[in-house]
Amino acid sequence: MAETSPRLDLAMALRRARTQVLRSVQRYPLVSAVAAVSVLLGLAISIISFALQTHFTGLYANGQRLSGWQNFLRLGAPWQALVPVVLACLLATWGALRLSGTQAEPPLSLRGAESATATELRRGLRAERRTVRRAFVIMVGLVVIVVIRLIVYSVLAIAGNRVAASTWVGVAVELGFWLVAGGAFWNWNRCHRLRMEGWGVYDD
């Protein structure tokens, strides 16, 4: 009886954990989907990008001339990849700053706002709120992808891979930019939520 007790405890713990996970997935379907996709994409992108980087690094070391995109992959963490991240960060920051001084106005998606009812205005603002919230969740998913990439490169660098070790700092800097952009999106989402609540529009 004493031998089976730990097994029963483990089975019950696993059952409770599975139930909790299923409840979380049902309650937050978008977040759960983005989390699962981010983890899978993070692993896939990390492995494929490292394999391509290793391949083109070997060709470059042998004196072969590489094209623009081949050299881009050889670098592993080129600065050009940070340009859209910086632009997204600036866009989110501008959105948060604009919210601080804007007056209540109907959403852009609502046509004929002058004749719209209060229910239609509220529905349009809720749709706008969901869009901002989804943008933030997607940004978090992108940050998770880069975090996984840094973990993969860290493991490879510790294992003694020279290509991963030489690229680790670049990937860490890339993650730093993504974290700053994620913080900007978090602030934009927070400001938008507070402004919507101030107008009497709450999350679904």
C-alpha atoms as a PDB file:
ATOM      1  CA  MET A   1       0.000   0.000   0.000  1.00  0.00           C
ATOM      2  CA  ALA A   2       2.862   2.334   0.841  1.00  0.00           C
ATOM      3  CA  GLU A   3       4.457   1.648  -2.552  1.00  0.00           C
ATOM      4  CA  THR A   4       1.382   2.701  -4.515  1.00  0.00           C
ATOM      5  CA  SER A   5       0.723   5.875  -2.545  1.00  0.00           C
ATOM      6  CA  PRO A   6       3.438   7.979  -4.266  1.00  0.00           C
ATOM      7  CA  ARG A   7       2.133   6.837  -7.646  1.00  0.00           C
ATOM      8  CA  LEU A   8      -1.399   7.843  -6.742  1.00  0.00           C
ATOM      9  CA  ASP A   9      -0.180  11.209  -5.495  1.00  0.00           C
ATOM     10  CA  LEU A  10       1.729  11.768  -8.728  1.00  0.00           C
ATOM     11  CA  ALA A  11      -1.265  10.757 -10.833  1.00  0.00           C
ATOM     12  CA  MET A  12      -3.532  13.104  -8.902  1.00  0.00           C
ATOM     13  CA  ALA A  13      -1.024  15.956  -9.209  1.00  0.00           C
ATOM     14  CA  LEU A  14      -0.756  15.418 -12.968  1.00  0.00           C
ATOM     15  CA  ARG A  15      -4.539  15.288 -13.268  1.00  0.00           C
ATOM     16  CA  ARG A  16      -4.901  18.553 -11.356  1.00  0.00           C
ATOM     17  CA  ALA A  17      -2.200  20.192 -13.464  1.00  0.00           C
ATOM     18  CA  ARG A  18      -3.881  19.066 -16.679  1.00  0.00           C
ATOM     19  CA  THR A  19      -7.238  20.363 -15.463  1.00  0.00           C
ATOM     20  CA  GLN A  20      -5.689  23.713 -14.579  1.00  0.00           C
ATOM     21  CA  VAL A  21      -4.013  23.975 -17.978  1.00  0.00           C
ATOM     22  CA  LEU A  22      -7.267  23.162 -19.784  1.00  0.00           C
ATOM     23  CA  ARG A  23      -9.098  25.802 -17.760  1.00  0.00           C
ATOM     24  CA  SER A  24      -6.463  28.392 -18.578  1.00  0.00           C
ATOM     25  CA  VAL A  25      -6.641  27.530 -22.282  1.00  0.00           C
ATOM     26  CA  GLN A  26     -10.430  27.839 -22.268  1.00  0.00           C
ATOM     27  CA  ARG A  27     -10.344  31.106 -20.337  1.00  0.00           C
ATOM     28  CA  TYR A  28      -7.522  32.700 -22.344  1.00  0.00           C
ATOM     29  CA  PRO A  29      -7.624  31.098 -25.814  1.00  0.00           C
ATOM     30  CA  LEU A  30      -5.677  33.851 -27.581  1.00  0.00           C
ATOM     31  CA  VAL A  31      -2.917  33.981 -24.981  1.00  0.00           C
ATOM     32  CA  SER A  32      -2.656  30.186 -24.916  1.00  0.00           C
ATOM     33  CA  ALA A  33      -2.501  29.948 -28.706  1.00  0.00           C
ATOM     34  CA  VAL A  34       0.137  32.671 -28.963  1.00  0.00           C
ATOM     35  CA  ALA A  35       2.191  31.036 -26.188  1.00  0.00           C
ATOM     36  CA  ALA A  36       2.135  27.622 -27.877  1.00  0.00           C
ATOM     37  CA  VAL A  37       2.929  29.048 -31.320  1.00  0.00           C
ATOM     38  CA  SER A  38       5.703  31.238 -29.881  1.00  0.00           C
ATOM     39  CA  VAL A  39       7.433  28.288 -28.214  1.00  0.00           C
ATOM     40  CA  LEU A  40       7.230  26.131 -31.346  1.00  0.00           C
ATOM     41  CA  LEU A  41       8.316  28.968 -33.633  1.00  0.00           C
ATOM     42  CA  GLY A  42      11.085  29.932 -31.245  1.00  0.00           C
ATOM     43  CA  LEU A  43      12.576  26.448 -31.330  1.00  0.00           C
ATOM     44  CA  ALA A  44      12.119  26.089 -35.095  1.00  0.00           C
ATOM     45  CA  ILE A  45      13.554  29.516 -35.914  1.00  0.00           C
ATOM     46  CA  SER A  46      16.477  29.016 -33.531  1.00  0.00           C
ATOM     47  CA  ILE A  47      17.450  25.641 -34.968  1.00  0.00           C
ATOM     48  CA  ILE A  48      16.994  26.648 -38.611  1.00  0.00           C
ATOM     49  CA  SER A  49      18.762  30.005 -38.248  1.00  0.00           C
ATOM     50  CA  PHE A  50      21.679  28.381 -36.429  1.00  0.00           C
ATOM     51  CA  ALA A  51      21.971  25.667 -39.073  1.00  0.00           C
ATOM     52  CA  LEU A  52      21.976  28.260 -41.866  1.00  0.00           C
ATOM     53  CA  GLN A  53      24.411  30.463 -39.976  1.00  0.00           C
ATOM     54  CA  THR A  54      26.789  27.544 -39.504  1.00  0.00           C
ATOM     55  CA  HIS A  55      26.477  26.600 -43.172  1.00  0.00           C
ATOM     56  CA  PHE A  56      27.190  30.068 -44.542  1.00  0.00           C
ATOM     57  CA  THR A  57      29.916  30.704 -41.967  1.00  0.00           C
ATOM     58  CA  GLY A  58      31.696  27.625 -43.278  1.00  0.00           C
ATOM     59  CA  LEU A  59      31.344  28.810 -46.867  1.00  0.00           C
ATOM     60  CA  TYR A  60      32.640  32.266 -45.933  1.00  0.00           C
ATOM     61  CA  ALA A  61      35.619  30.759 -44.098  1.00  0.00           C
ATOM     62  CA  ASN A  62      36.476  28.767 -47.228  1.00  0.00           C
ATOM     63  CA  GLY A  63      36.652  31.991 -49.246  1.00  0.00           C
ATOM     64  CA  GLN A  64      33.336  31.683 -51.054  1.00  0.00           C
ATOM     65  CA  ARG A  65      31.572  34.939 -51.937  1.00  0.00           C
ATOM     66  CA  LEU A  66      28.150  35.296 -50.347  1.00  0.00           C
ATOM     67  CA  SER A  67      25.138  37.223 -51.563  1.00  0.00           C
ATOM     68  CA  GLY A  68      23.384  39.841 -49.442  1.00  0.00           C
ATOM     69  CA  TRP A  69      20.814  37.533 -47.838  1.00  0.00           C
ATOM     70  CA  GLN A  70      23.406  34.788 -47.350  1.00  0.00           C
ATOM     71  CA  ASN A  71      25.678  37.179 -45.496  1.00  0.00           C
ATOM     72  CA  PHE A  72      22.649  38.339 -43.507  1.00  0.00           C
ATOM     73  CA  LEU A  73      22.071  34.762 -42.331  1.00  0.00           C
ATOM     74  CA  ARG A  74      25.791  34.235 -41.691  1.00  0.00           C
ATOM     75  CA  LEU A  75      25.872  37.058 -39.151  1.00  0.00           C
ATOM     76  CA  GLY A  76      23.149  35.445 -37.045  1.00  0.00           C
ATOM     77  CA  ALA A  77      22.095  38.681 -35.336  1.00  0.00           C
ATOM     78  CA  PRO A  78      22.586  41.545 -37.838  1.00  0.00           C
ATOM     79  CA  TRP A  79      21.691  45.074 -36.805  1.00  0.00           C
ATOM     80  CA  GLN A  80      19.349  45.449 -39.793  1.00  0.00           C
ATOM     81  CA  ALA A  81      16.912  43.051 -38.115  1.00  0.00           C
ATOM     82  CA  LEU A  82      16.447  45.586 -35.310  1.00  0.00           C
ATOM     83  CA  VAL A  83      15.069  48.324 -37.590  1.00  0.00           C
ATOM     84  CA  PRO A  84      11.432  47.071 -37.556  1.00  0.00           C
ATOM     85  CA  VAL A  85      11.715  46.497 -33.793  1.00  0.00           C
ATOM     86  CA  VAL A  86      12.755  50.116 -33.232  1.00  0.00           C
ATOM     87  CA  LEU A  87       9.969  51.353 -35.512  1.00  0.00           C
ATOM     88  CA  ALA A  88       7.376  49.280 -33.640  1.00  0.00           C
ATOM     89  CA  CYS A  89       8.686  50.634 -30.339  1.00  0.00           C
ATOM     90  CA  LEU A  90       8.395  54.211 -31.587  1.00  0.00           C
ATOM     91  CA  LEU A  91       4.893  53.563 -32.897  1.00  0.00           C
ATOM     92  CA  ALA A  92       3.714  52.143 -29.570  1.00  0.00           C
ATOM     93  CA  THR A  93       5.333  55.009 -27.678  1.00  0.00           C
ATOM     94  CA  TRP A  94       3.644  57.546 -29.954  1.00  0.00           C
ATOM     95  CA  GLY A  95       0.313  55.789 -29.426  1.00  0.00           C
ATOM     96  CA  ALA A  96       0.685  55.962 -25.640  1.00  0.00           C
ATOM     97  CA  LEU A  97       1.671  59.638 -25.735  1.00  0.00           C
ATOM     98  CA  ARG A  98      -1.240  60.475 -28.015  1.00  0.00           C
ATOM     99  CA  LEU A  99      -3.678  58.844 -25.610  1.00  0.00           C
ATOM    100  CA  SER A 100      -2.528  61.067 -22.758  1.00  0.00           C
ATOM    101  CA  GLY A 101      -4.007  64.197 -24.334  1.00  0.00           C
ATOM    102  CA  THR A 102      -6.736  62.980 -26.653  1.00  0.00           C
ATOM    103  CA  GLN A 103     -10.416  63.595 -26.137  1.00  0.00           C
ATOM    104  CA  ALA A 104     -13.111  60.964 -26.340  1.00  0.00           C
ATOM    105  CA  GLU A 105     -13.796  60.221 -29.994  1.00  0.00           C
ATOM    106  CA  PRO A 106     -15.495  57.453 -31.973  1.00  0.00           C
ATOM    107  CA  PRO A 107     -13.313  54.643 -33.373  1.00  0.00           C
ATOM    108  CA  LEU A 108     -12.084  54.960 -36.952  1.00  0.00           C
ATOM    109  CA  SER A 109     -13.920  51.784 -37.934  1.00  0.00           C
ATOM    110  CA  LEU A 110     -17.304  53.345 -37.146  1.00  0.00           C
ATOM    111  CA  ARG A 111     -18.795  55.207 -40.089  1.00  0.00           C
ATOM    112  CA  GLY A 112     -21.454  57.815 -39.632  1.00  0.00           C
ATOM    113  CA  ALA A 113     -20.334  58.467 -36.048  1.00  0.00           C
ATOM    114  CA  GLU A 114     -22.568  61.543 -35.824  1.00  0.00           C
ATOM    115  CA  SER A 115     -25.702  59.411 -36.058  1.00  0.00           C
ATOM    116  CA  ALA A 116     -24.347  56.368 -34.201  1.00  0.00           C
ATOM    117  CA  THR A 117     -26.077  55.217 -31.042  1.00  0.00           C
ATOM    118  CA  ALA A 118     -24.328  54.839 -27.697  1.00  0.00           C
ATOM    119  CA  THR A 119     -24.458  51.050 -28.106  1.00  0.00           C
ATOM    120  CA  GLU A 120     -22.748  51.232 -31.501  1.00  0.00           C
ATOM    121  CA  LEU A 121     -20.079  53.566 -30.153  1.00  0.00           C
ATOM    122  CA  ARG A 122     -19.418  51.283 -27.211  1.00  0.00           C
ATOM    123  CA  ARG A 123     -19.248  48.254 -29.497  1.00  0.00           C
ATOM    124  CA  GLY A 124     -16.771  50.009 -31.786  1.00  0.00           C
ATOM    125  CA  LEU A 125     -14.583  51.072 -28.865  1.00  0.00           C
ATOM    126  CA  ARG A 126     -14.581  47.511 -27.513  1.00  0.00           C
ATOM    127  CA  ALA A 127     -13.436  46.249 -30.914  1.00  0.00           C
ATOM    128  CA  GLU A 128     -10.664  48.850 -30.903  1.00  0.00           C
ATOM    129  CA  ARG A 129      -9.709  47.774 -27.387  1.00  0.00           C
ATOM    130  CA  ARG A 130      -9.480  44.130 -28.464  1.00  0.00           C
ATOM    131  CA  THR A 131      -7.195  45.118 -31.346  1.00  0.00           C
ATOM    132  CA  VAL A 132      -4.769  46.917 -29.045  1.00  0.00           C
ATOM    133  CA  ARG A 133      -4.818  44.037 -26.576  1.00  0.00           C
ATOM    134  CA  ARG A 134      -4.137  41.506 -29.326  1.00  0.00           C
ATOM    135  CA  ALA A 135      -1.245  43.604 -30.607  1.00  0.00           C
ATOM    136  CA  PHE A 136       0.282  43.511 -27.129  1.00  0.00           C
ATOM    137  CA  VAL A 137      -0.195  39.734 -26.822  1.00  0.00           C
ATOM    138  CA  ILE A 138       1.431  39.182 -30.215  1.00  0.00           C
ATOM    139  CA  MET A 139       4.355  41.395 -29.202  1.00  0.00           C
ATOM    140  CA  VAL A 140       4.814  39.293 -26.061  1.00  0.00           C
ATOM    141  CA  GLY A 141       4.821  36.198 -28.268  1.00  0.00           C
ATOM    142  CA  LEU A 142       7.561  37.688 -30.437  1.00  0.00           C
ATOM    143  CA  VAL A 143       9.620  38.483 -27.341  1.00  0.00           C
ATOM    144  CA  VAL A 144       9.222  34.857 -26.214  1.00  0.00           C
ATOM    145  CA  ILE A 145      10.592  33.697 -29.583  1.00  0.00           C
ATOM    146  CA  VAL A 146      13.734  35.785 -29.093  1.00  0.00           C
ATOM    147  CA  VAL A 147      14.079  34.556 -25.486  1.00  0.00           C
ATOM    148  CA  ILE A 148      14.020  30.957 -26.708  1.00  0.00           C
ATOM    149  CA  ARG A 149      16.566  31.848 -29.376  1.00  0.00           C
ATOM    150  CA  LEU A 150      18.892  33.242 -26.716  1.00  0.00           C
ATOM    151  CA  ILE A 151      18.424  30.086 -24.620  1.00  0.00           C
ATOM    152  CA  VAL A 152      19.281  27.868 -27.591  1.00  0.00           C
ATOM    153  CA  TYR A 153      22.407  29.896 -28.399  1.00  0.00           C
ATOM    154  CA  SER A 154      23.398  29.878 -24.720  1.00  0.00           C
ATOM    155  CA  VAL A 155      23.154  26.082 -24.556  1.00  0.00           C
ATOM    156  CA  LEU A 156      25.168  25.715 -27.764  1.00  0.00           C
ATOM    157  CA  ALA A 157      27.783  28.214 -26.559  1.00  0.00           C
ATOM    158  CA  ILE A 158      28.160  26.385 -23.235  1.00  0.00           C
ATOM    159  CA  ALA A 159      28.538  23.148 -25.193  1.00  0.00           C
ATOM    160  CA  GLY A 160      31.552  24.714 -26.911  1.00  0.00           C
ATOM    161  CA  ASN A 161      30.132  25.742 -30.293  1.00  0.00           C
ATOM    162  CA  ARG A 162      32.200  28.652 -31.579  1.00  0.00           C
ATOM    163  CA  VAL A 163      29.558  30.016 -33.933  1.00  0.00           C
ATOM    164  CA  ALA A 164      26.998  30.215 -31.132  1.00  0.00           C
ATOM    165  CA  ALA A 165      29.513  31.712 -28.729  1.00  0.00           C
ATOM    166  CA  SER A 166      30.501  34.435 -31.191  1.00  0.00           C
ATOM    167  CA  THR A 167      26.853  35.301 -31.842  1.00  0.00           C
ATOM    168  CA  TRP A 168      25.592  35.147 -28.241  1.00  0.00           C
ATOM    169  CA  VAL A 169      26.236  38.825 -27.484  1.00  0.00           C
ATOM    170  CA  GLY A 170      24.429  39.892 -30.654  1.00  0.00           C
ATOM    171  CA  VAL A 171      21.397  37.760 -29.783  1.00  0.00           C
ATOM    172  CA  ALA A 172      21.419  39.177 -26.231  1.00  0.00           C
ATOM    173  CA  VAL A 173      21.463  42.737 -27.604  1.00  0.00           C
ATOM    174  CA  GLU A 174      18.631  41.784 -29.955  1.00  0.00           C
ATOM    175  CA  LEU A 175      16.622  40.515 -26.983  1.00  0.00           C
ATOM    176  CA  GLY A 176      17.283  43.789 -25.163  1.00  0.00           C
ATOM    177  CA  PHE A 177      15.724  45.751 -28.033  1.00  0.00           C
ATOM    178  CA  TRP A 178      12.752  43.396 -28.115  1.00  0.00           C
ATOM    179  CA  LEU A 179      12.235  43.812 -24.363  1.00  0.00           C
ATOM    180  CA  VAL A 180      12.227  47.592 -24.730  1.00  0.00           C
ATOM    181  CA  ALA A 181       9.695  47.310 -27.556  1.00  0.00           C
ATOM    182  CA  GLY A 182       7.621  44.920 -25.452  1.00  0.00           C
ATOM    183  CA  GLY A 183       7.662  47.444 -22.617  1.00  0.00           C
ATOM    184  CA  ALA A 184       6.463  50.147 -25.009  1.00  0.00           C
ATOM    185  CA  PHE A 185       3.579  47.933 -26.137  1.00  0.00           C
ATOM    186  CA  TRP A 186       2.737  47.109 -22.526  1.00  0.00           C
ATOM    187  CA  ASN A 187       2.568  50.828 -21.719  1.00  0.00           C
ATOM    188  CA  TRP A 188       0.435  51.496 -24.813  1.00  0.00           C
ATOM    189  CA  ASN A 189      -1.934  48.686 -23.824  1.00  0.00           C
ATOM    190  CA  ARG A 190      -2.095  50.004 -20.242  1.00  0.00           C
ATOM    191  CA  CYS A 191      -2.772  53.588 -21.319  1.00  0.00           C
ATOM    192  CA  HIS A 192      -5.426  52.442 -23.773  1.00  0.00           C
ATOM    193  CA  ARG A 193      -7.147  50.282 -21.145  1.00  0.00           C
ATOM    194  CA  LEU A 194      -7.183  53.111 -18.611  1.00  0.00           C
ATOM    195  CA  ARG A 195      -8.521  55.571 -21.182  1.00  0.00           C
ATOM    196  CA  MET A 196     -11.248  53.149 -22.283  1.00  0.00           C
ATOM    197  CA  GLU A 197     -12.250  52.535 -18.669  1.00  0.00           C
ATOM    198  CA  GLY A 198     -12.354  56.297 -18.165  1.00  0.00           C
ATOM    199  CA  TRP A 199     -14.869  56.440 -21.012  1.00  0.00           C
ATOM    200  CA  GLY A 200     -16.907  53.619 -19.486  1.00  0.00           C
ATOM    201  CA  VAL A 201     -15.672  50.906 -21.842  1.00  0.00           C
ATOM    202  CA  TYR A 202     -14.327  47.786 -20.114  1.00  0.00           C
ATOM    203  CA  ASP A 203     -12.669  44.620 -21.377  1.00  0.00           C
ATOM    204  CA  ASP A 204     -14.956  41.803 -22.396  1.00  0.00           C
END
